[in-house]
Amino acid sequence: MANIIPIKTGTIRIRPSHRAGNMNHPVWRRRLVMLTDRDWTEPLPIYTYLIEHDEGLILLDCGETSRAGFFPWWHPFFRFAVDLNVEPGDEIGSQLRARGIDPGKDLKTLVLSHLHHDHADGLEHFDGTEIVVSEENYQASQGLHGAIMGAVPSQWPTWFEPVRREFDGPSVAGFDTSMPLTSDGTVFAVPTPGHMPGHLSVVVRNPGVTYFLAGDATYDQDLLRRRIVDGPASNLKTSLDTMDRITTFAESEATVLLPAHDPAAGSRLAERITLA
């Protein structure tokens, strides 16, 4: 049986129109509204999730760095629409070491839901660790296009050469395919695109309950239930399809939903509150 440990690597404030976009607007207009919105959300957690499994430690995402000043100066999103609060002690490397875990030696795998800055900027701590990302997301995150999409490829470590995986595993309820992460089949990834091409989520099956580590497939459980897509999502139709697939999966087995920025995720995990 696997154990799930949420690790909060600081907080992020975003515009309300970023967290929940207007469902009647096309993608370009949803993104434009984010730059003119003057309000902020409450500080939202930046969660990574550590999976303690018999085959080794698996980490989903590596959070943000405390050095937020490296964002491209020309990018309006980073200048006007995101407010980070990450101290050096919040970084994933510091938090793993405080638990007696060497991030470069002791992990089986670091899995990246996607390469947006607040999910991948902590890469510097993981030299020597196997890092898995979907092939599609890796390609979408390259160069100027990746920077426009919200990644910061110019800051990736020079040694960063992830294992770029395809979804070639068996289907599960709601999903046509999967990506095995453990040989016993209890930990696997499923494709959850929409927020970004190639986005993935990680599923952990335990006896009696399943954990769905959703990354940014949705910002919180309420938005999933209401089928409200985030503002920067690259494809509205694809995001809605992903939300429906997650719901179908949760109807097939007792599932605790754990997005990366949901303030209620920690309490749902502790109390095993399922989506259904």
Foldseek 3Di string as FASTA:
>chain_A
DKDKDKAFQFWKKFAPLQQFNDPVDDQVVSVVVRLVGPDIDDTFTQIKMWIQDPVFIEIEFFFAAQCLVPQPPPASCSVGTMDTDGDRCSGNCNVCVVVVHQQQPGGAEYEYLAQARGRYNSVVSHNNHAYEAAQFRVVCLDDPSNSNLRHDVVRHDPPDDHDHDDFDAPAAFLARTWADDDPVRQKIKGALAFQHPRGIWIWGDDVQEIEIEREPLHQELVCLVVLTHGSNGPHSVSSSSSSVSVVRRCVVGFYQYHYRGYPCSVVCSVVVPGSD
